[in-house]
Amino acid sequence: MSEDPKYPYPWMRERRREQNARAKRRSRQRQKARQVAGLEVVKQSEGRLQLAVSAVPEPLYHVSNHPAISPCCMQHHRSAKPHLLYRELLGYFASVSDLENVAKILDAEQLGVASILKYGIIAMGGALDNHLFDLANQTCFCCWLELIKSDLKVSFNFGLALYSGVRRLSQMKGPSRWSIDAVGINTARMLLQIEPQSSDLRTIKLTSFSSTSAFLENARQLGLSLGDFVDDGSESPFCSRYQPISYHTLAADLQPTPEQLKIPHHPYLDIVPFPSFRAKALRAISSGTPAFNEDELCFDLAHDSMRCWGSTATSLHGRGNGTPWDARSWEVSPWFLKKWGFLVGNEDDAIYQNSLWWWSQR
């Protein structure tokens, strides 16, 4: 490796060795997890899941049309929340290439992690009521799992269903490119530009890219790859002990906050284009805030909680130019604002106001 021109410096070679060691450990862990899950699949397949027609609780069946009113987390959970670890979900993928393939499938269809669970239930011989699946867009991932659990007539292992969904989707052939790459970022930027003067903004045709594609475009701006997010031991490039990146040329909303420079953290937070959100999340992590659960946050971020919007016009009231690294181009789901209010701020803060503006355009 010392003669490899890709690693001319000692710190690069050291980092590469550590990455290889972590990759081997993850491979062994995935193999063990697949063996255990495989045995469960055999047991479960002997008695196929029978999912009844959805019996949705009344408050969730009649959801208000006002986007700022969300049923998420308003009711007390009738039972303990499902204990899911996001790193375990990532561990179900046999390789980074499998993860990339599945992510591209979800990206092309603008779907989130709920679809992995849906495919898993199908793979286990069950079915998911369409109305119940549609409710995934109106609740956080945990609340949605509780709705599914209350609808089932048998005991259910969500981890096993996610594993089965990963296996099923990994066998499909996904697109060769991300949706944002299919048109090119410059074309995407043009498509998502906004017109500051319009006699009737409601006549503007809105378009969007999935949060997966948009987040990964932000990752590229930071020099990160998909593999950096699979590795539970990855370090943010802003506080890396190897060689922190030069961030002065980054877009304003991706510029690191003081917290990002001081508090060691995983890079998944760095690609969320809201500086105040990142700062508050890191303060919550460092202080051990009881209301903050990183696994729940990761599942919710993968649960189509944010969307990068723009229009086919040429500008939009100063709402940004539709690029993923511009916070004004993003809408946050009402349920996410309600659940994670201590991170996104109140109704007077920019994240809520910006989302409210996008809601008004539909």
Protein backbone atom coordinates (compact mmCIF):
# COMPACT_ATOMS: atom_id res chain seq x y z
CA MET A 1 0.00 0.00 0.00
CA SER A 2 2.95 2.30 0.61
CA GLU A 3 3.64 2.42 -3.13
CA ASP A 4 0.03 3.08 -4.09
CA PRO A 5 -0.21 6.64 -5.48
CA LYS A 6 -3.73 6.87 -4.06
CA TYR A 7 -2.28 6.82 -0.52
CA PRO A 8 0.89 8.93 -0.67
CA TYR A 9 0.76 10.02 2.99
CA PRO A 10 1.06 7.90 6.15
CA TRP A 11 -2.22 9.19 7.59
CA MET A 12 -4.03 8.07 4.43
CA ARG A 13 -2.57 4.57 4.70
CA GLU A 14 -3.46 4.37 8.39
CA ARG A 15 -7.01 5.44 7.68
CA ARG A 16 -7.30 2.87 4.89
CA ARG A 17 -6.05 0.08 7.17
CA GLU A 18 -8.62 0.99 9.81
CA GLN A 19 -11.38 1.09 7.19
CA ASN A 20 -10.39 -2.37 5.96
CA ALA A 21 -10.37 -3.73 9.51
CA ARG A 22 -13.82 -2.27 10.21
CA ALA A 23 -15.12 -3.67 6.92
CA LYS A 24 -13.98 -7.17 7.89
CA ARG A 25 -15.66 -6.87 11.30
CA ARG A 26 -18.89 -5.68 9.69
CA SER A 27 -18.74 -8.55 7.20
CA ARG A 28 -18.49 -11.09 10.03
CA GLN A 29 -21.35 -9.40 11.91
CA ARG A 30 -23.55 -9.38 8.80
CA GLN A 31 -22.83 -13.05 8.14
CA LYS A 32 -23.82 -13.95 11.69
CA ALA A 33 -26.97 -11.80 11.49
CA ARG A 34 -27.97 -13.42 8.20
CA GLN A 35 -27.52 -16.90 9.67
CA VAL A 36 -29.71 -16.07 12.67
CA ALA A 37 -32.32 -14.29 10.57
CA GLY A 38 -32.31 -17.12 8.04
CA LEU A 39 -33.35 -19.61 10.72
CA GLU A 40 -36.20 -17.32 11.74
CA VAL A 41 -37.33 -17.00 8.13
CA VAL A 42 -37.62 -20.78 7.90
CA LYS A 43 -39.68 -20.90 11.10
CA GLN A 44 -41.90 -18.03 10.03
CA SER A 45 -42.46 -19.48 6.57
CA GLU A 46 -44.01 -22.59 8.12
CA GLY A 47 -46.89 -20.42 9.30
CA ARG A 48 -47.48 -17.66 6.75
CA LEU A 49 -48.45 -14.27 8.09
CA GLN A 50 -52.09 -13.40 7.69
CA LEU A 51 -52.58 -9.66 7.90
CA ALA A 52 -56.17 -8.59 8.40
CA VAL A 53 -57.81 -5.65 6.66
CA SER A 54 -56.64 -2.49 8.37
CA ALA A 55 -58.57 -1.34 11.42
CA VAL A 56 -57.18 2.16 11.75
CA PRO A 57 -57.91 4.04 14.99
CA GLU A 58 -60.50 6.80 14.47
CA PRO A 59 -58.17 9.78 15.13
CA LEU A 60 -55.79 8.51 12.44
CA TYR A 61 -58.46 7.57 9.93
CA HIS A 62 -59.84 11.11 9.69
CA VAL A 63 -56.65 13.10 9.30
CA SER A 64 -57.01 16.85 8.93
CA ASN A 65 -56.26 18.27 5.49
CA HIS A 66 -54.20 21.03 7.09
CA PRO A 67 -50.57 19.91 6.74
CA ALA A 68 -49.55 21.52 10.01
CA ILE A 69 -51.82 19.15 11.96
CA SER A 70 -50.29 15.71 12.29
CA PRO A 71 -51.50 12.75 14.36
CA CYS A 72 -47.93 11.60 14.90
CA CYS A 73 -46.95 10.92 18.50
CA MET A 74 -50.10 12.62 19.81
CA GLN A 75 -51.46 9.43 21.34
CA HIS A 76 -49.72 7.52 24.07
CA HIS A 77 -48.14 4.37 22.73
CA ARG A 78 -50.28 1.45 23.80
CA SER A 79 -47.20 -0.72 24.09
CA ALA A 80 -43.46 -0.28 24.21
CA LYS A 81 -41.93 1.19 21.08
CA PRO A 82 -40.26 -1.34 18.79
CA HIS A 83 -36.59 -1.53 19.72
CA LEU A 84 -34.81 -1.11 16.39
CA LEU A 85 -31.21 -0.14 15.76
CA TYR A 86 -30.44 1.60 12.49
CA ARG A 87 -27.01 -0.01 12.26
CA GLU A 88 -28.74 -3.41 12.34
CA LEU A 89 -30.79 -2.43 9.29
CA LEU A 90 -27.60 -1.43 7.48
CA GLY A 91 -26.04 -4.72 8.60
CA TYR A 92 -28.72 -6.68 6.72
CA PHE A 93 -27.12 -5.61 3.43
CA ALA A 94 -24.49 -8.06 2.23
CA SER A 95 -22.37 -5.27 0.74
CA VAL A 96 -22.29 -1.55 0.06
CA SER A 97 -23.18 -2.31 -3.56
CA ASP A 98 -26.37 -4.09 -2.41
CA LEU A 99 -27.25 -1.07 -0.27
CA GLU A 100 -26.62 1.24 -3.23
CA ASN A 101 -28.80 -0.90 -5.50
CA VAL A 102 -31.73 -0.89 -3.05
CA ALA A 103 -31.29 2.83 -2.35
CA LYS A 104 -31.46 3.56 -6.09
CA ILE A 105 -34.67 1.55 -6.38
CA LEU A 106 -36.26 3.54 -3.55
CA ASP A 107 -34.84 6.77 -4.97
CA ALA A 108 -36.32 6.15 -8.43
CA GLU A 109 -39.77 5.57 -6.93
CA GLN A 110 -39.36 8.32 -4.28
CA LEU A 111 -39.98 5.81 -1.50
CA GLY A 112 -38.57 5.47 2.01
CA VAL A 113 -37.71 2.78 4.54
CA ALA A 114 -41.41 1.90 4.91
CA SER A 115 -41.22 0.22 1.50
CA ILE A 116 -38.46 -2.10 2.74
CA LEU A 117 -40.82 -3.26 5.49
CA LYS A 118 -43.68 -3.66 3.00
CA TYR A 119 -41.57 -5.86 0.72
CA GLY A 120 -40.43 -7.83 3.76
CA ILE A 121 -44.01 -8.56 4.82
CA ILE A 122 -44.78 -9.70 1.26
CA ALA A 123 -41.67 -11.91 1.24
CA MET A 124 -42.87 -13.52 4.47
CA GLY A 125 -46.20 -14.42 2.87
CA GLY A 126 -48.27 -11.52 4.15
CA ALA A 127 -49.86 -8.40 2.73
CA LEU A 128 -50.13 -4.80 3.85
CA ASP A 129 -53.38 -2.90 3.50
CA ASN A 130 -52.97 0.00 1.04
CA HIS A 131 -54.58 2.53 3.37
CA LEU A 132 -52.29 1.48 6.19
CA PHE A 133 -49.28 1.86 3.89
CA ASP A 134 -50.48 5.33 2.84
CA LEU A 135 -50.55 6.37 6.51
CA ALA A 136 -46.76 5.95 6.57
CA ASN A 137 -46.52 9.45 5.07
CA GLN A 138 -48.46 10.94 7.98
CA THR A 139 -46.66 9.47 10.97
CA CYS A 140 -43.16 8.86 12.22
CA PHE A 141 -41.69 5.42 11.60
CA CYS A 142 -42.28 4.27 15.20
CA CYS A 143 -45.96 5.30 15.23
CA TRP A 144 -46.49 3.64 11.87
CA LEU A 145 -44.99 0.39 13.16
CA GLU A 146 -47.40 0.53 16.08
CA LEU A 147 -50.33 0.83 13.68
CA ILE A 148 -49.08 -2.23 11.80
CA LYS A 149 -48.56 -4.15 15.03
CA SER A 150 -52.12 -3.43 16.17
CA ASP A 151 -53.39 -4.68 12.80
CA LEU A 152 -51.59 -8.03 12.96
CA LYS A 153 -53.22 -11.19 14.26
CA VAL A 154 -49.93 -12.89 15.13
CA SER A 155 -46.77 -11.90 16.97
CA PHE A 156 -44.46 -10.06 14.63
CA ASN A 157 -40.72 -9.40 14.39
CA PHE A 158 -40.08 -6.07 12.65
CA GLY A 159 -36.35 -6.73 12.45
CA LEU A 160 -37.05 -9.95 10.57
CA ALA A 161 -39.45 -8.16 8.22
CA LEU A 162 -36.83 -5.50 7.44
CA TYR A 163 -34.25 -8.22 6.84
CA SER A 164 -36.63 -10.02 4.48
CA GLY A 165 -37.35 -6.76 2.67
CA VAL A 166 -33.65 -6.09 2.21
CA ARG A 167 -33.18 -9.59 0.81
CA ARG A 168 -36.11 -9.23 -1.60
CA LEU A 169 -35.10 -5.78 -2.89
CA SER A 170 -31.42 -6.76 -3.15
CA GLN A 171 -32.41 -9.39 -5.71
CA MET A 172 -33.99 -6.76 -7.97
CA LYS A 173 -31.98 -4.82 -10.52
CA GLY A 174 -32.09 -1.12 -9.75
CA PRO A 175 -31.37 1.88 -11.99
CA SER A 176 -27.77 2.47 -13.01
CA ARG A 177 -27.85 6.06 -11.77
CA TRP A 178 -29.39 8.17 -9.04
CA SER A 179 -32.40 10.21 -10.17
CA ILE A 180 -30.49 13.45 -9.73
CA ASP A 181 -27.63 12.06 -11.85
CA ALA A 182 -29.98 10.93 -14.61
CA VAL A 183 -30.62 14.57 -15.54
CA GLY A 184 -27.38 16.00 -14.17
CA ILE A 185 -27.13 18.38 -11.24
CA ASN A 186 -26.97 21.45 -13.49
CA THR A 187 -30.16 20.43 -15.30
CA ALA A 188 -31.78 19.52 -11.98
CA ARG A 189 -30.85 22.92 -10.64
CA MET A 190 -32.45 24.54 -13.68
CA LEU A 191 -35.59 22.40 -13.34
CA LEU A 192 -35.90 23.34 -9.69
CA GLN A 193 -35.30 27.05 -10.06
CA ILE A 194 -37.81 29.50 -8.69
CA GLU A 195 -39.43 32.56 -10.24
CA PRO A 196 -39.62 35.57 -7.89
CA GLN A 197 -42.48 37.19 -9.78
CA SER A 198 -45.55 35.17 -10.62
CA SER A 199 -49.13 36.37 -10.84
CA ASP A 200 -50.39 33.04 -9.51
CA LEU A 201 -47.87 30.85 -7.71
CA ARG A 202 -50.40 28.03 -7.51
CA THR A 203 -50.14 27.56 -11.28
CA ILE A 204 -46.43 26.73 -11.01
CA LYS A 205 -45.72 23.04 -11.46
CA LEU A 206 -43.65 21.74 -8.57
CA THR A 207 -41.14 18.95 -8.96
CA SER A 208 -38.79 17.21 -6.56
CA PHE A 209 -36.03 14.70 -6.03
CA SER A 210 -36.14 12.11 -3.28
CA SER A 211 -34.41 12.87 0.00
CA THR A 212 -32.07 9.93 -0.68
CA SER A 213 -30.76 11.42 -3.91
CA ALA A 214 -30.63 14.94 -2.47
CA PHE A 215 -28.85 13.87 0.73
CA LEU A 216 -26.25 11.94 -1.27
CA GLU A 217 -25.63 14.97 -3.46
CA ASN A 218 -24.86 16.91 -0.27
CA ALA A 219 -22.56 14.05 0.76
CA ARG A 220 -20.63 14.49 -2.47
CA GLN A 221 -20.15 18.16 -1.69
CA LEU A 222 -18.43 17.02 1.51
CA GLY A 223 -16.33 14.37 -0.23
CA LEU A 224 -18.31 11.50 1.35
CA SER A 225 -19.46 8.25 -0.25
CA LEU A 226 -22.29 5.85 0.57
CA GLY A 227 -19.77 3.59 2.31
CA ASP A 228 -19.04 6.32 4.85
CA PHE A 229 -22.63 6.12 6.08
CA VAL A 230 -22.69 2.33 6.33
CA ASP A 231 -19.69 2.36 8.64
CA ASP A 232 -20.94 2.93 12.19
CA GLY A 233 -17.44 4.12 13.12
CA SER A 234 -17.21 6.81 10.42
CA GLU A 235 -16.11 10.24 11.56
CA SER A 236 -17.43 13.56 10.37
CA PRO A 237 -14.93 15.17 7.98
CA PHE A 238 -15.23 18.35 10.05
CA CYS A 239 -13.70 16.83 13.17
CA SER A 240 -11.64 14.01 11.67
CA ARG A 241 -8.38 13.21 13.43
CA TYR A 242 -6.83 12.56 10.03
CA GLN A 243 -7.24 15.67 7.93
CA PRO A 244 -10.39 17.79 8.30
CA ILE A 245 -11.77 19.03 5.00
CA SER A 246 -11.52 22.63 3.88
CA TYR A 247 -15.08 23.88 4.25
CA HIS A 248 -14.77 27.54 3.32
CA THR A 249 -15.94 26.93 -0.26
CA LEU A 250 -19.01 24.94 0.77
CA ALA A 251 -22.51 26.33 0.32
CA ALA A 252 -23.67 28.41 3.28
CA ASP A 253 -26.16 25.84 4.58
CA LEU A 254 -23.54 23.07 4.56
CA GLN A 255 -20.93 25.17 6.35
CA PRO A 256 -20.18 23.52 9.72
CA THR A 257 -21.53 24.99 12.93
CA PRO A 258 -19.22 25.36 15.95
CA GLU A 259 -20.79 22.18 17.34
CA GLN A 260 -19.84 20.22 14.21
CA LEU A 261 -16.23 21.32 14.57
CA LYS A 262 -16.01 20.50 18.28
CA ILE A 263 -18.22 17.46 18.93
CA PRO A 264 -17.15 14.11 17.39
CA HIS A 265 -20.06 12.65 15.43
CA HIS A 266 -21.12 10.43 12.56
CA PRO A 267 -21.33 12.25 9.19
CA TYR A 268 -25.05 11.52 8.65
CA LEU A 269 -25.87 14.80 10.39
CA ASP A 270 -23.54 16.81 8.14
CA ILE A 271 -25.69 16.26 5.04
CA VAL A 272 -28.91 17.65 6.57
CA PRO A 273 -29.03 21.20 5.10
CA PHE A 274 -30.28 22.94 8.26
CA PRO A 275 -27.43 24.41 10.37
CA SER A 276 -29.61 25.05 13.43
CA PHE A 277 -30.93 21.48 13.30
CA ARG A 278 -27.41 20.04 13.18
CA ALA A 279 -26.25 22.25 16.05
CA LYS A 280 -29.20 21.33 18.29
CA ALA A 281 -28.88 17.63 17.48
CA LEU A 282 -25.20 17.60 18.42
CA ARG A 283 -25.89 19.48 21.65
CA ALA A 284 -28.57 16.88 22.45
CA ILE A 285 -26.11 14.05 21.72
CA SER A 286 -23.34 15.54 23.84
CA SER A 287 -25.63 16.35 26.77
CA GLY A 288 -27.52 13.05 26.73
CA THR A 289 -30.95 14.65 26.27
CA PRO A 290 -33.51 11.95 27.26
CA ALA A 291 -35.93 12.90 24.46
CA PHE A 292 -33.27 12.33 21.83
CA ASN A 293 -32.92 8.87 20.31
CA GLU A 294 -30.43 8.71 17.44
CA ASP A 295 -31.81 5.45 16.07
CA GLU A 296 -35.32 6.91 15.89
CA LEU A 297 -33.93 10.01 14.18
CA CYS A 298 -32.09 7.91 11.58
CA PHE A 299 -35.19 5.85 10.82
CA ASP A 300 -37.27 9.02 10.54
CA LEU A 301 -34.75 10.66 8.20
CA ALA A 302 -34.98 7.54 6.01
CA HIS A 303 -38.79 7.64 6.30
CA ASP A 304 -39.27 10.30 3.61
CA SER A 305 -39.45 13.02 6.25
CA MET A 306 -37.90 15.70 4.04
CA ARG A 307 -38.14 16.59 0.37
CA CYS A 308 -36.17 18.87 -1.92
CA TRP A 309 -38.62 20.97 -3.92
CA GLY A 310 -38.53 23.45 -6.76
CA SER A 311 -40.52 24.33 -9.83
CA THR A 312 -40.33 24.19 -13.58
CA ALA A 313 -40.47 27.97 -13.66
CA THR A 314 -37.36 30.11 -13.44
CA SER A 315 -37.51 31.35 -9.85
CA LEU A 316 -39.78 31.16 -6.76
CA HIS A 317 -40.10 34.05 -4.38
CA GLY A 318 -36.52 33.76 -3.19
CA ARG A 319 -37.08 30.18 -2.07
CA GLY A 320 -33.68 29.04 -3.25
CA ASN A 321 -32.61 27.59 -6.58
CA GLY A 322 -33.71 24.02 -5.90
CA THR A 323 -30.28 22.64 -5.10
CA PRO A 324 -30.01 20.12 -2.24
CA TRP A 325 -27.45 22.25 -0.38
CA ASP A 326 -29.88 25.20 -0.16
CA ALA A 327 -32.11 24.88 2.93
CA ARG A 328 -34.83 26.99 1.30
CA SER A 329 -35.39 24.23 -1.27
CA TRP A 330 -36.48 21.74 1.39
CA GLU A 331 -39.84 20.89 2.91
CA VAL A 332 -40.08 19.02 6.22
CA SER A 333 -43.07 16.74 6.91
CA PRO A 334 -45.59 17.95 9.51
CA TRP A 335 -45.13 14.85 11.66
CA PHE A 336 -41.35 15.40 11.73
CA LEU A 337 -41.83 19.01 12.84
CA LYS A 338 -44.13 17.84 15.63
CA LYS A 339 -41.96 14.98 16.88
CA TRP A 340 -38.58 16.69 16.56
CA GLY A 341 -39.71 20.19 17.47
CA PHE A 342 -36.87 20.61 19.95
CA LEU A 343 -34.47 20.25 17.00
CA VAL A 344 -36.31 22.10 14.21
CA GLY A 345 -37.61 24.97 16.34
CA ASN A 346 -41.10 26.41 16.73
CA GLU A 347 -43.54 27.89 14.22
CA ASP A 348 -41.59 31.14 14.04
CA ASP A 349 -38.32 29.49 13.06
CA ALA A 350 -37.02 29.26 9.49
CA ILE A 351 -37.44 25.50 9.01
CA TYR A 352 -41.14 25.58 9.91
CA GLN A 353 -41.83 28.78 7.95
CA ASN A 354 -40.07 27.45 4.88
CA SER A 355 -42.04 24.19 5.02
CA LEU A 356 -45.26 26.14 5.50
CA TRP A 357 -44.50 28.11 2.34
CA TRP A 358 -44.02 24.93 0.31
CA TRP A 359 -47.23 23.42 1.71
CA SER A 360 -49.12 26.51 0.53
CA GLN A 361 -47.99 25.93 -3.05
CA ARG A 362 -49.76 22.58 -3.41
